[in-house]
Amino acid sequence: MRVFIRLLILALSIGIFPHMSFGTENAKRTKKIGMAVEFTDHAACAYVAQDKGWFRQEGLMLSSYESYVTGMALAAALTRGDIQVAYICLVPAINAFANAGVRVKVVAGTHKYGYGLVVNADKVKTVKDLEKRDIRVGCVREGGVVDVLLNRIIQKYHLNPHKILPRVRRMNPPKQVLAISMGQLDAVFLPEQWATMAEASGFRMLLTARNVWPHMQGSVLVVKEELIKRAPEAVRRLVKVSQKATSWINRHPNEAAVILARQLSFSRAKILPLKVAQYAAKIRVTPEILVKSMVRLDYETDIREQEVQEVIDYMAELGYIKRWFPARRILDLNFLK
């Protein structure tokens, strides 16, 4: 019997029975997880964690790691069964939950703010100029974050929506940057880093979300409810990695910008149409642009129910969700504790 026990201990120590190992990295590993992220510096903590191998160090094995050019496209990806985790803007996450019935929970924040209005300064001097008939305005389609911000700006500055909204040309962020550079648009509503990229091409940042919406919750970490039920420890480790990466970014912004420039360059060729990608290559996502862009976000994982509720309330007011609901239905902040 003693010989058997010794042999068993030896077998465990050298990994002959890996699924029975104790206190090893294997014991932490879970079933592979499909992850989706935004193609912006909004998802900085995800890009940094992936680059540094922190997901793997926590035993989080990714079956997929996909970038999407808009939050709305990412929200659509959440309907797929193979995507269980997303670093996504709060507004499309609410849309997926309220309108598409995707059972997700917000388990952490990633940043506040991160959106801006960039203009041709020769034609747009003040926000009131958006009402002029000859001013061509670009924005993502209705229901996107910067579209919500557009409506908020109209409300805050007492603009006439009937003079602006019918003239808005709906297109994704890289197409807006391309259009304003070609003289086809005069004002564009963009998420970061696209807003700073447009500014770097000679245009003016007229307003940012910080000017318009105090404490605006930008992006969040969402997970499918089924993952919480099946593997709560994996969710806890996801939040832990996000916190670690966010803290590192705030301590090392210049190094983080270098990592983001590299990671976003890898993703660009896969997700951008050829014509847009060729233009984007001319105004590359450089560390210098990203450092300037990242200053316009507050990277933090803490998230407040009241601030999420404010977004839900405004989306309901605009008619962008089918029905109002309390923020606690989409939040599960236990993993932040």
C-alpha atoms as a PDB file:
ATOM      1  CA  MET A   1       0.000   0.000   0.000  1.00  0.00           C
ATOM      2  CA  ARG A   2       2.828   2.390   0.890  1.00  0.00           C
ATOM      3  CA  VAL A   3       4.492   1.648  -2.428  1.00  0.00           C
ATOM      4  CA  PHE A   4       1.255   2.474  -4.277  1.00  0.00           C
ATOM      5  CA  ILE A   5       0.903   5.789  -2.450  1.00  0.00           C
ATOM      6  CA  ARG A   6       4.496   6.716  -3.260  1.00  0.00           C
ATOM      7  CA  LEU A   7       3.995   5.859  -6.918  1.00  0.00           C
ATOM      8  CA  LEU A   8       0.779   7.922  -6.992  1.00  0.00           C
ATOM      9  CA  ILE A   9       2.533  10.933  -5.470  1.00  0.00           C
ATOM     10  CA  LEU A  10       5.356  10.557  -7.990  1.00  0.00           C
ATOM     11  CA  ALA A  11       2.893  10.323 -10.879  1.00  0.00           C
ATOM     12  CA  LEU A  12       1.084  13.482  -9.750  1.00  0.00           C
ATOM     13  CA  SER A  13       4.326  15.386  -9.299  1.00  0.00           C
ATOM     14  CA  ILE A  14       5.532  14.676 -12.845  1.00  0.00           C
ATOM     15  CA  GLY A  15       2.123  15.189 -14.421  1.00  0.00           C
ATOM     16  CA  ILE A  16       1.220  11.664 -15.548  1.00  0.00           C
ATOM     17  CA  PHE A  17      -2.331  12.446 -14.349  1.00  0.00           C
ATOM     18  CA  PRO A  18      -2.557  16.158 -15.265  1.00  0.00           C
ATOM     19  CA  HIS A  19      -6.266  16.488 -14.472  1.00  0.00           C
ATOM     20  CA  MET A  20      -5.555  15.364 -10.900  1.00  0.00           C
ATOM     21  CA  SER A  21      -2.719  17.844 -10.265  1.00  0.00           C
ATOM     22  CA  PHE A  22      -2.948  19.979  -7.145  1.00  0.00           C
ATOM     23  CA  GLY A  23      -1.868  23.603  -6.784  1.00  0.00           C
ATOM     24  CA  THR A  24      -0.584  23.802 -10.368  1.00  0.00           C
ATOM     25  CA  GLU A  25      -1.414  26.196 -13.190  1.00  0.00           C
ATOM     26  CA  ASN A  26      -3.516  23.457 -14.800  1.00  0.00           C
ATOM     27  CA  ALA A  27      -5.856  23.515 -11.828  1.00  0.00           C
ATOM     28  CA  LYS A  28      -6.694  27.137 -12.662  1.00  0.00           C
ATOM     29  CA  ARG A  29      -7.481  26.550 -16.323  1.00  0.00           C
ATOM     30  CA  THR A  30     -11.046  26.592 -17.562  1.00  0.00           C
ATOM     31  CA  LYS A  31     -12.836  25.720 -20.747  1.00  0.00           C
ATOM     32  CA  LYS A  32     -11.780  27.995 -23.620  1.00  0.00           C
ATOM     33  CA  ILE A  33     -13.511  31.364 -23.795  1.00  0.00           C
ATOM     34  CA  GLY A  34     -14.444  33.380 -26.876  1.00  0.00           C
ATOM     35  CA  MET A  35     -13.600  37.076 -26.468  1.00  0.00           C
ATOM     36  CA  ALA A  36     -14.437  40.131 -28.563  1.00  0.00           C
ATOM     37  CA  VAL A  37     -12.948  43.623 -28.233  1.00  0.00           C
ATOM     38  CA  GLU A  38     -13.378  47.036 -29.823  1.00  0.00           C
ATOM     39  CA  PHE A  39     -10.831  48.239 -32.357  1.00  0.00           C
ATOM     40  CA  THR A  40     -10.064  51.281 -30.211  1.00  0.00           C
ATOM     41  CA  ASP A  41      -8.045  52.289 -27.186  1.00  0.00           C
ATOM     42  CA  HIS A  42     -11.292  51.912 -25.221  1.00  0.00           C
ATOM     43  CA  ALA A  43     -10.270  48.253 -24.861  1.00  0.00           C
ATOM     44  CA  ALA A  44      -6.739  49.160 -23.763  1.00  0.00           C
ATOM     45  CA  CYS A  45      -6.764  46.817 -20.773  1.00  0.00           C
ATOM     46  CA  ALA A  46      -7.690  43.850 -22.983  1.00  0.00           C
ATOM     47  CA  TYR A  47      -4.984  44.639 -25.542  1.00  0.00           C
ATOM     48  CA  VAL A  48      -2.337  45.100 -22.852  1.00  0.00           C
ATOM     49  CA  ALA A  49      -3.367  41.929 -21.016  1.00  0.00           C
ATOM     50  CA  GLN A  50      -3.264  39.938 -24.257  1.00  0.00           C
ATOM     51  CA  ASP A  51       0.120  41.376 -25.233  1.00  0.00           C
ATOM     52  CA  LYS A  52       1.640  40.579 -21.845  1.00  0.00           C
ATOM     53  CA  GLY A  53       0.110  37.112 -21.619  1.00  0.00           C
ATOM     54  CA  TRP A  54      -1.829  37.907 -18.460  1.00  0.00           C
ATOM     55  CA  PHE A  55      -4.979  36.073 -19.569  1.00  0.00           C
ATOM     56  CA  ARG A  56      -2.953  32.901 -20.042  1.00  0.00           C
ATOM     57  CA  GLN A  57      -1.124  33.407 -16.748  1.00  0.00           C
ATOM     58  CA  GLU A  58      -4.507  33.404 -14.996  1.00  0.00           C
ATOM     59  CA  GLY A  59      -5.464  30.184 -16.752  1.00  0.00           C
ATOM     60  CA  LEU A  60      -7.880  31.926 -19.127  1.00  0.00           C
ATOM     61  CA  MET A  61      -7.626  30.126 -22.453  1.00  0.00           C
ATOM     62  CA  LEU A  62      -9.118  32.097 -25.362  1.00  0.00           C
ATOM     63  CA  SER A  63     -10.732  30.154 -28.187  1.00  0.00           C
ATOM     64  CA  SER A  64     -11.036  33.401 -30.150  1.00  0.00           C
ATOM     65  CA  TYR A  65      -9.920  36.997 -29.783  1.00  0.00           C
ATOM     66  CA  GLU A  66     -11.730  39.161 -32.315  1.00  0.00           C
ATOM     67  CA  SER A  67     -11.687  42.928 -32.943  1.00  0.00           C
ATOM     68  CA  TYR A  68     -14.687  44.888 -34.236  1.00  0.00           C
ATOM     69  CA  VAL A  69     -14.607  48.342 -35.781  1.00  0.00           C
ATOM     70  CA  THR A  70     -17.794  49.485 -33.986  1.00  0.00           C
ATOM     71  CA  GLY A  71     -19.470  48.635 -30.720  1.00  0.00           C
ATOM     72  CA  MET A  72     -22.656  47.820 -32.615  1.00  0.00           C
ATOM     73  CA  ALA A  73     -20.875  45.167 -34.682  1.00  0.00           C
ATOM     74  CA  LEU A  74     -19.404  43.783 -31.490  1.00  0.00           C
ATOM     75  CA  ALA A  75     -22.863  43.714 -29.882  1.00  0.00           C
ATOM     76  CA  ALA A  76     -24.102  41.660 -32.822  1.00  0.00           C
ATOM     77  CA  ALA A  77     -21.212  39.239 -32.269  1.00  0.00           C
ATOM     78  CA  LEU A  78     -22.435  38.709 -28.703  1.00  0.00           C
ATOM     79  CA  THR A  79     -25.478  36.926 -30.102  1.00  0.00           C
ATOM     80  CA  ARG A  80     -23.153  34.165 -31.283  1.00  0.00           C
ATOM     81  CA  GLY A  81     -22.718  31.262 -28.938  1.00  0.00           C
ATOM     82  CA  ASP A  82     -18.930  31.221 -29.186  1.00  0.00           C
ATOM     83  CA  ILE A  83     -18.460  34.734 -27.770  1.00  0.00           C
ATOM     84  CA  GLN A  84     -18.841  34.787 -23.987  1.00  0.00           C
ATOM     85  CA  VAL A  85     -16.807  37.885 -23.091  1.00  0.00           C
ATOM     86  CA  ALA A  86     -16.655  41.376 -24.579  1.00  0.00           C
ATOM     87  CA  TYR A  87     -14.908  44.648 -23.890  1.00  0.00           C
ATOM     88  CA  ILE A  88     -17.591  46.906 -25.326  1.00  0.00           C
ATOM     89  CA  CYS A  89     -19.072  50.395 -25.034  1.00  0.00           C
ATOM     90  CA  LEU A  90     -21.923  50.552 -22.535  1.00  0.00           C
ATOM     91  CA  VAL A  91     -24.533  51.800 -25.024  1.00  0.00           C
ATOM     92  CA  PRO A  92     -24.306  48.827 -27.457  1.00  0.00           C
ATOM     93  CA  ALA A  93     -24.128  46.483 -24.457  1.00  0.00           C
ATOM     94  CA  ILE A  94     -27.444  47.915 -23.266  1.00  0.00           C
ATOM     95  CA  ASN A  95     -28.834  47.574 -26.797  1.00  0.00           C
ATOM     96  CA  ALA A  96     -27.844  43.899 -26.942  1.00  0.00           C
ATOM     97  CA  PHE A  97     -29.416  43.256 -23.548  1.00  0.00           C
ATOM     98  CA  ALA A  98     -32.627  45.250 -24.009  1.00  0.00           C
ATOM     99  CA  ASN A  99     -33.370  44.824 -27.714  1.00  0.00           C
ATOM    100  CA  ALA A 100     -31.718  41.561 -28.759  1.00  0.00           C
ATOM    101  CA  GLY A 101     -32.347  39.703 -25.518  1.00  0.00           C
ATOM    102  CA  VAL A 102     -28.686  38.742 -25.091  1.00  0.00           C
ATOM    103  CA  ARG A 103     -28.286  37.608 -21.497  1.00  0.00           C
ATOM    104  CA  VAL A 104     -25.168  39.465 -20.436  1.00  0.00           C
ATOM    105  CA  LYS A 105     -23.964  41.067 -17.250  1.00  0.00           C
ATOM    106  CA  VAL A 106     -21.690  44.065 -16.857  1.00  0.00           C
ATOM    107  CA  VAL A 107     -19.066  42.915 -14.365  1.00  0.00           C
ATOM    108  CA  ALA A 108     -16.636  45.872 -14.522  1.00  0.00           C
ATOM    109  CA  GLY A 109     -15.999  49.182 -16.190  1.00  0.00           C
ATOM    110  CA  THR A 110     -13.012  49.897 -18.400  1.00  0.00           C
ATOM    111  CA  HIS A 111     -13.088  53.675 -18.863  1.00  0.00           C
ATOM    112  CA  LYS A 112     -15.128  56.859 -18.733  1.00  0.00           C
ATOM    113  CA  TYR A 113     -15.530  59.365 -21.585  1.00  0.00           C
ATOM    114  CA  GLY A 114     -13.670  58.644 -24.855  1.00  0.00           C
ATOM    115  CA  TYR A 115     -15.793  60.339 -27.574  1.00  0.00           C
ATOM    116  CA  GLY A 116     -15.496  63.632 -29.417  1.00  0.00           C
ATOM    117  CA  LEU A 117     -16.789  66.044 -32.036  1.00  0.00           C
ATOM    118  CA  VAL A 118     -14.085  66.900 -34.586  1.00  0.00           C
ATOM    119  CA  VAL A 119     -14.657  69.672 -37.134  1.00  0.00           C
ATOM    120  CA  ASN A 120     -13.216  71.537 -40.076  1.00  0.00           C
ATOM    121  CA  ALA A 121     -12.374  74.743 -38.210  1.00  0.00           C
ATOM    122  CA  ASP A 122     -12.717  76.828 -41.366  1.00  0.00           C
ATOM    123  CA  LYS A 123     -16.414  75.953 -41.602  1.00  0.00           C
ATOM    124  CA  VAL A 124     -17.478  75.113 -38.049  1.00  0.00           C
ATOM    125  CA  LYS A 125     -16.564  77.752 -35.488  1.00  0.00           C
ATOM    126  CA  THR A 126     -19.114  76.906 -32.787  1.00  0.00           C
ATOM    127  CA  VAL A 127     -21.468  74.040 -32.043  1.00  0.00           C
ATOM    128  CA  LYS A 128     -24.342  76.248 -33.264  1.00  0.00           C
ATOM    129  CA  ASP A 129     -22.887  76.018 -36.768  1.00  0.00           C
ATOM    130  CA  LEU A 130     -24.065  72.374 -36.925  1.00  0.00           C
ATOM    131  CA  GLU A 131     -27.521  73.795 -37.722  1.00  0.00           C
ATOM    132  CA  LYS A 132     -26.338  75.419 -40.952  1.00  0.00           C
ATOM    133  CA  ARG A 133     -27.678  73.784 -44.108  1.00  0.00           C
ATOM    134  CA  ASP A 134     -24.293  73.516 -45.797  1.00  0.00           C
ATOM    135  CA  ILE A 135     -22.568  71.775 -42.855  1.00  0.00           C
ATOM    136  CA  ARG A 136     -22.207  68.073 -43.572  1.00  0.00           C
ATOM    137  CA  VAL A 137     -22.254  65.967 -40.402  1.00  0.00           C
ATOM    138  CA  GLY A 138     -21.031  62.390 -39.992  1.00  0.00           C
ATOM    139  CA  CYS A 139     -21.962  59.939 -37.261  1.00  0.00           C
ATOM    140  CA  VAL A 140     -22.450  56.223 -36.695  1.00  0.00           C
ATOM    141  CA  ARG A 141     -25.929  54.852 -37.164  1.00  0.00           C
ATOM    142  CA  GLU A 142     -28.726  55.520 -34.705  1.00  0.00           C
ATOM    143  CA  GLY A 143     -28.268  53.845 -31.362  1.00  0.00           C
ATOM    144  CA  GLY A 144     -24.466  53.990 -31.298  1.00  0.00           C
ATOM    145  CA  VAL A 145     -22.618  55.775 -28.520  1.00  0.00           C
ATOM    146  CA  VAL A 146     -21.568  58.840 -30.480  1.00  0.00           C
ATOM    147  CA  ASP A 147     -25.091  59.065 -31.889  1.00  0.00           C
ATOM    148  CA  VAL A 148     -26.356  59.187 -28.297  1.00  0.00           C
ATOM    149  CA  LEU A 149     -23.706  61.839 -27.642  1.00  0.00           C
ATOM    150  CA  LEU A 150     -24.893  63.780 -30.712  1.00  0.00           C
ATOM    151  CA  ASN A 151     -28.401  63.859 -29.254  1.00  0.00           C
ATOM    152  CA  ARG A 152     -27.006  64.902 -25.877  1.00  0.00           C
ATOM    153  CA  ILE A 153     -25.129  67.804 -27.504  1.00  0.00           C
ATOM    154  CA  ILE A 154     -28.273  68.909 -29.320  1.00  0.00           C
ATOM    155  CA  GLN A 155     -30.115  68.906 -25.987  1.00  0.00           C
ATOM    156  CA  LYS A 156     -27.358  70.561 -23.929  1.00  0.00           C
ATOM    157  CA  TYR A 157     -26.711  73.373 -26.401  1.00  0.00           C
ATOM    158  CA  HIS A 158     -30.403  73.870 -27.272  1.00  0.00           C
ATOM    159  CA  LEU A 159     -29.915  73.079 -30.947  1.00  0.00           C
ATOM    160  CA  ASN A 160     -32.740  72.315 -33.341  1.00  0.00           C
ATOM    161  CA  PRO A 161     -32.722  68.540 -34.015  1.00  0.00           C
ATOM    162  CA  HIS A 162     -34.811  69.014 -37.161  1.00  0.00           C
ATOM    163  CA  LYS A 163     -32.044  71.130 -38.667  1.00  0.00           C
ATOM    164  CA  ILE A 164     -29.323  68.587 -37.884  1.00  0.00           C
ATOM    165  CA  LEU A 165     -30.491  64.965 -37.687  1.00  0.00           C
ATOM    166  CA  PRO A 166     -32.005  64.670 -41.201  1.00  0.00           C
ATOM    167  CA  ARG A 167     -28.656  65.763 -42.692  1.00  0.00           C
ATOM    168  CA  VAL A 168     -26.481  63.348 -40.727  1.00  0.00           C
ATOM    169  CA  ARG A 169     -24.611  60.867 -42.894  1.00  0.00           C
ATOM    170  CA  ARG A 170     -24.337  57.496 -41.186  1.00  0.00           C
ATOM    171  CA  MET A 171     -21.001  55.704 -41.502  1.00  0.00           C
ATOM    172  CA  ASN A 172     -18.495  53.887 -39.339  1.00  0.00           C
ATOM    173  CA  PRO A 173     -15.552  55.747 -37.711  1.00  0.00           C
ATOM    174  CA  PRO A 174     -12.783  54.994 -40.257  1.00  0.00           C
ATOM    175  CA  LYS A 175     -15.056  56.036 -43.113  1.00  0.00           C
ATOM    176  CA  GLN A 176     -15.819  59.286 -41.278  1.00  0.00           C
ATOM    177  CA  VAL A 177     -12.115  60.015 -40.850  1.00  0.00           C
ATOM    178  CA  LEU A 178     -11.584  59.298 -44.549  1.00  0.00           C
ATOM    179  CA  ALA A 179     -14.578  61.458 -45.556  1.00  0.00           C
ATOM    180  CA  ILE A 180     -13.564  64.511 -43.532  1.00  0.00           C
ATOM    181  CA  SER A 181     -10.016  64.300 -44.906  1.00  0.00           C
ATOM    182  CA  MET A 182     -11.405  64.240 -48.449  1.00  0.00           C
ATOM    183  CA  GLY A 183     -13.575  67.293 -47.818  1.00  0.00           C
ATOM    184  CA  GLN A 184     -16.809  65.296 -47.895  1.00  0.00           C
ATOM    185  CA  LEU A 185     -17.764  66.048 -44.273  1.00  0.00           C
ATOM    186  CA  ASP A 186     -17.383  69.129 -42.094  1.00  0.00           C
ATOM    187  CA  ALA A 187     -18.062  67.657 -38.654  1.00  0.00           C
ATOM    188  CA  VAL A 188     -17.760  64.110 -37.338  1.00  0.00           C
ATOM    189  CA  PHE A 189     -18.778  62.428 -34.107  1.00  0.00           C
ATOM    190  CA  LEU A 190     -16.170  59.811 -33.271  1.00  0.00           C
ATOM    191  CA  PRO A 191     -14.934  57.504 -30.535  1.00  0.00           C
ATOM    192  CA  GLU A 192     -11.305  57.593 -29.530  1.00  0.00           C
ATOM    193  CA  GLN A 193      -8.746  56.930 -30.978  1.00  0.00           C
ATOM    194  CA  TRP A 194     -10.453  57.902 -34.232  1.00  0.00           C
ATOM    195  CA  ALA A 195     -11.271  61.400 -32.948  1.00  0.00           C
ATOM    196  CA  THR A 196      -7.623  62.109 -32.145  1.00  0.00           C
ATOM    197  CA  MET A 197      -6.559  60.609 -35.485  1.00  0.00           C
ATOM    198  CA  ALA A 198      -8.862  63.082 -37.261  1.00  0.00           C
ATOM    199  CA  GLU A 199      -7.480  65.899 -35.141  1.00  0.00           C
ATOM    200  CA  ALA A 200      -3.929  64.841 -36.041  1.00  0.00           C
ATOM    201  CA  SER A 201      -4.861  65.335 -39.701  1.00  0.00           C
ATOM    202  CA  GLY A 202      -5.434  69.036 -39.113  1.00  0.00           C
ATOM    203  CA  PHE A 203      -8.964  69.235 -37.775  1.00  0.00           C
ATOM    204  CA  ARG A 204     -10.214  70.707 -34.501  1.00  0.00           C
ATOM    205  CA  MET A 205     -11.563  68.841 -31.477  1.00  0.00           C
ATOM    206  CA  LEU A 206     -14.577  71.045 -30.761  1.00  0.00           C
ATOM    207  CA  LEU A 207     -16.092  69.034 -27.900  1.00  0.00           C
ATOM    208  CA  THR A 208     -15.369  65.860 -25.981  1.00  0.00           C
ATOM    209  CA  ALA A 209     -17.664  63.716 -23.872  1.00  0.00           C
ATOM    210  CA  ARG A 210     -16.029  65.271 -20.816  1.00  0.00           C
ATOM    211  CA  ASN A 211     -17.489  68.648 -21.841  1.00  0.00           C
ATOM    212  CA  VAL A 212     -20.968  67.263 -22.376  1.00  0.00           C
ATOM    213  CA  TRP A 213     -21.678  64.383 -19.992  1.00  0.00           C
ATOM    214  CA  PRO A 214     -20.057  64.421 -16.520  1.00  0.00           C
ATOM    215  CA  HIS A 215     -18.943  60.948 -15.341  1.00  0.00           C
ATOM    216  CA  MET A 216     -20.084  59.363 -18.614  1.00  0.00           C
ATOM    217  CA  GLN A 217     -19.478  55.616 -18.466  1.00  0.00           C
ATOM    218  CA  GLY A 218     -17.712  54.677 -21.670  1.00  0.00           C
ATOM    219  CA  SER A 219     -16.901  50.984 -22.070  1.00  0.00           C
ATOM    220  CA  VAL A 220     -17.446  47.962 -19.861  1.00  0.00           C
ATOM    221  CA  LEU A 221     -16.519  44.324 -19.478  1.00  0.00           C
ATOM    222  CA  VAL A 222     -19.545  42.115 -20.130  1.00  0.00           C
ATOM    223  CA  VAL A 223     -19.883  38.349 -19.838  1.00  0.00           C
ATOM    224  CA  LYS A 224     -22.662  35.968 -20.740  1.00  0.00           C
ATOM    225  CA  GLU A 225     -24.795  34.906 -17.772  1.00  0.00           C
ATOM    226  CA  GLU A 226     -24.097  31.286 -18.667  1.00  0.00           C
ATOM    227  CA  LEU A 227     -20.374  31.850 -18.064  1.00  0.00           C
ATOM    228  CA  ILE A 228     -21.089  33.288 -14.626  1.00  0.00           C
ATOM    229  CA  LYS A 229     -23.134  30.213 -13.773  1.00  0.00           C
ATOM    230  CA  ARG A 230     -20.725  27.719 -15.331  1.00  0.00           C
ATOM    231  CA  ALA A 231     -17.390  29.233 -14.377  1.00  0.00           C
ATOM    232  CA  PRO A 232     -17.671  32.104 -11.867  1.00  0.00           C
ATOM    233  CA  GLU A 233     -13.989  31.781 -10.984  1.00  0.00           C
ATOM    234  CA  ALA A 234     -13.092  32.456 -14.629  1.00  0.00           C
ATOM    235  CA  VAL A 235     -15.145  35.663 -14.487  1.00  0.00           C
ATOM    236  CA  ARG A 236     -13.398  36.637 -11.274  1.00  0.00           C
ATOM    237  CA  ARG A 237     -10.027  36.156 -12.977  1.00  0.00           C
ATOM    238  CA  LEU A 238     -11.162  38.178 -16.008  1.00  0.00           C
ATOM    239  CA  VAL A 239     -11.987  41.083 -13.712  1.00  0.00           C
ATOM    240  CA  LYS A 240      -8.691  40.606 -11.871  1.00  0.00           C
ATOM    241  CA  VAL A 241      -6.715  40.765 -15.125  1.00  0.00           C
ATOM    242  CA  SER A 242      -8.672  43.850 -16.243  1.00  0.00           C
ATOM    243  CA  GLN A 243      -7.888  45.575 -12.951  1.00  0.00           C
ATOM    244  CA  LYS A 244      -4.224  44.641 -13.206  1.00  0.00           C
ATOM    245  CA  ALA A 245      -3.940  45.896 -16.790  1.00  0.00           C
ATOM    246  CA  THR A 246      -5.857  49.113 -16.035  1.00  0.00           C
ATOM    247  CA  SER A 247      -3.599  49.881 -13.097  1.00  0.00           C
ATOM    248  CA  TRP A 248      -0.522  49.204 -15.240  1.00  0.00           C
ATOM    249  CA  ILE A 249      -1.811  51.488 -18.038  1.00  0.00           C
ATOM    250  CA  ASN A 250      -2.330  54.368 -15.615  1.00  0.00           C
ATOM    251  CA  ARG A 251       1.202  53.929 -14.257  1.00  0.00           C
ATOM    252  CA  HIS A 252       2.864  53.432 -17.660  1.00  0.00           C
ATOM    253  CA  PRO A 253       0.835  55.373 -20.284  1.00  0.00           C
ATOM    254  CA  ASN A 254       3.704  55.737 -22.768  1.00  0.00           C
ATOM    255  CA  GLU A 255       4.560  52.039 -22.691  1.00  0.00           C
ATOM    256  CA  ALA A 256       0.858  51.199 -22.947  1.00  0.00           C
ATOM    257  CA  ALA A 257       0.588  53.396 -26.049  1.00  0.00           C
ATOM    258  CA  VAL A 258       3.399  51.441 -27.722  1.00  0.00           C
ATOM    259  CA  ILE A 259       1.626  48.154 -26.984  1.00  0.00           C
ATOM    260  CA  LEU A 260      -1.696  49.504 -28.256  1.00  0.00           C
ATOM    261  CA  ALA A 261      -0.127  50.824 -31.453  1.00  0.00           C
ATOM    262  CA  ARG A 262       1.295  47.372 -32.122  1.00  0.00           C
ATOM    263  CA  GLN A 263      -1.881  45.490 -31.232  1.00  0.00           C
ATOM    264  CA  LEU A 264      -4.171  47.805 -33.204  1.00  0.00           C
ATOM    265  CA  SER A 265      -1.869  47.562 -36.220  1.00  0.00           C
ATOM    266  CA  PHE A 266      -2.150  43.774 -36.101  1.00  0.00           C
ATOM    267  CA  SER A 267      -5.943  43.976 -36.041  1.00  0.00           C
ATOM    268  CA  ARG A 268      -6.349  46.699 -38.677  1.00  0.00           C
ATOM    269  CA  ALA A 269      -5.605  44.549 -41.719  1.00  0.00           C
ATOM    270  CA  LYS A 270      -8.207  42.003 -40.645  1.00  0.00           C
ATOM    271  CA  ILE A 271     -11.184  44.280 -40.008  1.00  0.00           C
ATOM    272  CA  LEU A 272     -10.886  47.371 -42.205  1.00  0.00           C
ATOM    273  CA  PRO A 273     -12.022  47.501 -45.850  1.00  0.00           C
ATOM    274  CA  LEU A 274      -9.066  47.759 -48.215  1.00  0.00           C
ATOM    275  CA  LYS A 275      -9.715  51.377 -49.247  1.00  0.00           C
ATOM    276  CA  VAL A 276     -10.097  52.544 -45.654  1.00  0.00           C
ATOM    277  CA  ALA A 277      -7.155  50.467 -44.489  1.00  0.00           C
ATOM    278  CA  GLN A 278      -4.944  52.093 -47.119  1.00  0.00           C
ATOM    279  CA  TYR A 279      -5.929  55.539 -45.849  1.00  0.00           C
ATOM    280  CA  ALA A 280      -5.583  54.504 -42.208  1.00  0.00           C
ATOM    281  CA  ALA A 281      -2.036  53.386 -43.021  1.00  0.00           C
ATOM    282  CA  LYS A 282      -1.228  56.981 -43.979  1.00  0.00           C
ATOM    283  CA  ILE A 283      -2.368  58.241 -40.577  1.00  0.00           C
ATOM    284  CA  ARG A 284      -1.047  55.277 -38.659  1.00  0.00           C
ATOM    285  CA  VAL A 285      -2.185  54.566 -35.135  1.00  0.00           C
ATOM    286  CA  THR A 286       1.095  55.725 -33.648  1.00  0.00           C
ATOM    287  CA  PRO A 287       2.101  55.746 -29.975  1.00  0.00           C
ATOM    288  CA  GLU A 288       2.114  59.561 -30.124  1.00  0.00           C
ATOM    289  CA  ILE A 289      -1.506  59.689 -31.285  1.00  0.00           C
ATOM    290  CA  LEU A 290      -2.514  57.109 -28.701  1.00  0.00           C
ATOM    291  CA  VAL A 291      -0.856  58.938 -25.803  1.00  0.00           C
ATOM    292  CA  LYS A 292      -2.859  62.040 -26.700  1.00  0.00           C
ATOM    293  CA  SER A 293      -6.036  60.009 -27.184  1.00  0.00           C
ATOM    294  CA  MET A 294      -5.698  58.055 -23.946  1.00  0.00           C
ATOM    295  CA  VAL A 295      -5.520  61.269 -21.904  1.00  0.00           C
ATOM    296  CA  ARG A 296      -9.098  61.897 -22.991  1.00  0.00           C
ATOM    297  CA  LEU A 297     -10.266  58.739 -21.226  1.00  0.00           C
ATOM    298  CA  ASP A 298     -10.300  57.932 -17.529  1.00  0.00           C
ATOM    299  CA  TYR A 299      -9.241  54.296 -17.287  1.00  0.00           C
ATOM    300  CA  GLU A 300     -10.909  52.706 -14.275  1.00  0.00           C
ATOM    301  CA  THR A 301     -12.706  49.437 -13.578  1.00  0.00           C
ATOM    302  CA  ASP A 302     -15.012  50.717 -10.850  1.00  0.00           C
ATOM    303  CA  ILE A 303     -18.513  51.350 -12.137  1.00  0.00           C
ATOM    304  CA  ARG A 304     -21.478  53.009 -10.455  1.00  0.00           C
ATOM    305  CA  GLU A 305     -25.071  51.882 -10.785  1.00  0.00           C
ATOM    306  CA  GLN A 306     -26.350  55.460 -10.883  1.00  0.00           C
ATOM    307  CA  GLU A 307     -24.168  56.326 -13.888  1.00  0.00           C
ATOM    308  CA  VAL A 308     -25.293  53.211 -15.784  1.00  0.00           C
ATOM    309  CA  GLN A 309     -28.888  54.081 -14.947  1.00  0.00           C
ATOM    310  CA  GLU A 310     -28.416  57.542 -16.402  1.00  0.00           C
ATOM    311  CA  VAL A 311     -27.400  56.021 -19.746  1.00  0.00           C
ATOM    312  CA  ILE A 312     -30.352  53.604 -19.688  1.00  0.00           C
ATOM    313  CA  ASP A 313     -32.737  56.453 -18.877  1.00  0.00           C
ATOM    314  CA  TYR A 314     -31.469  58.590 -21.747  1.00  0.00           C
ATOM    315  CA  MET A 315     -31.589  55.727 -24.242  1.00  0.00           C
ATOM    316  CA  ALA A 316     -35.184  55.052 -23.202  1.00  0.00           C
ATOM    317  CA  GLU A 317     -35.974  58.752 -23.627  1.00  0.00           C
ATOM    318  CA  LEU A 318     -34.570  58.634 -27.166  1.00  0.00           C
ATOM    319  CA  GLY A 319     -36.554  55.476 -27.942  1.00  0.00           C
ATOM    320  CA  TYR A 320     -33.400  53.433 -28.555  1.00  0.00           C
ATOM    321  CA  ILE A 321     -34.426  50.591 -26.236  1.00  0.00           C
ATOM    322  CA  LYS A 322     -37.768  48.826 -26.236  1.00  0.00           C
ATOM    323  CA  ARG A 323     -38.476  49.509 -22.612  1.00  0.00           C
ATOM    324  CA  TRP A 324     -36.873  51.087 -19.588  1.00  0.00           C
ATOM    325  CA  PHE A 325     -35.302  48.783 -17.022  1.00  0.00           C
ATOM    326  CA  PRO A 326     -33.410  49.230 -13.746  1.00  0.00           C
ATOM    327  CA  ALA A 327     -29.626  49.137 -14.066  1.00  0.00           C
ATOM    328  CA  ARG A 328     -29.312  46.366 -11.490  1.00  0.00           C
ATOM    329  CA  ARG A 329     -30.718  43.920 -14.065  1.00  0.00           C
ATOM    330  CA  ILE A 330     -27.643  44.255 -16.266  1.00  0.00           C
ATOM    331  CA  LEU A 331     -25.071  44.682 -13.480  1.00  0.00           C
ATOM    332  CA  ASP A 332     -23.209  42.079 -11.461  1.00  0.00           C
ATOM    333  CA  LEU A 333     -20.542  43.931  -9.527  1.00  0.00           C
ATOM    334  CA  ASN A 334     -19.776  41.174  -7.049  1.00  0.00           C
ATOM    335  CA  PHE A 335     -16.586  40.310  -8.920  1.00  0.00           C
ATOM    336  CA  LEU A 336     -15.158  43.779  -8.267  1.00  0.00           C
ATOM    337  CA  LYS A 337     -15.230  43.230  -4.510  1.00  0.00           C
END
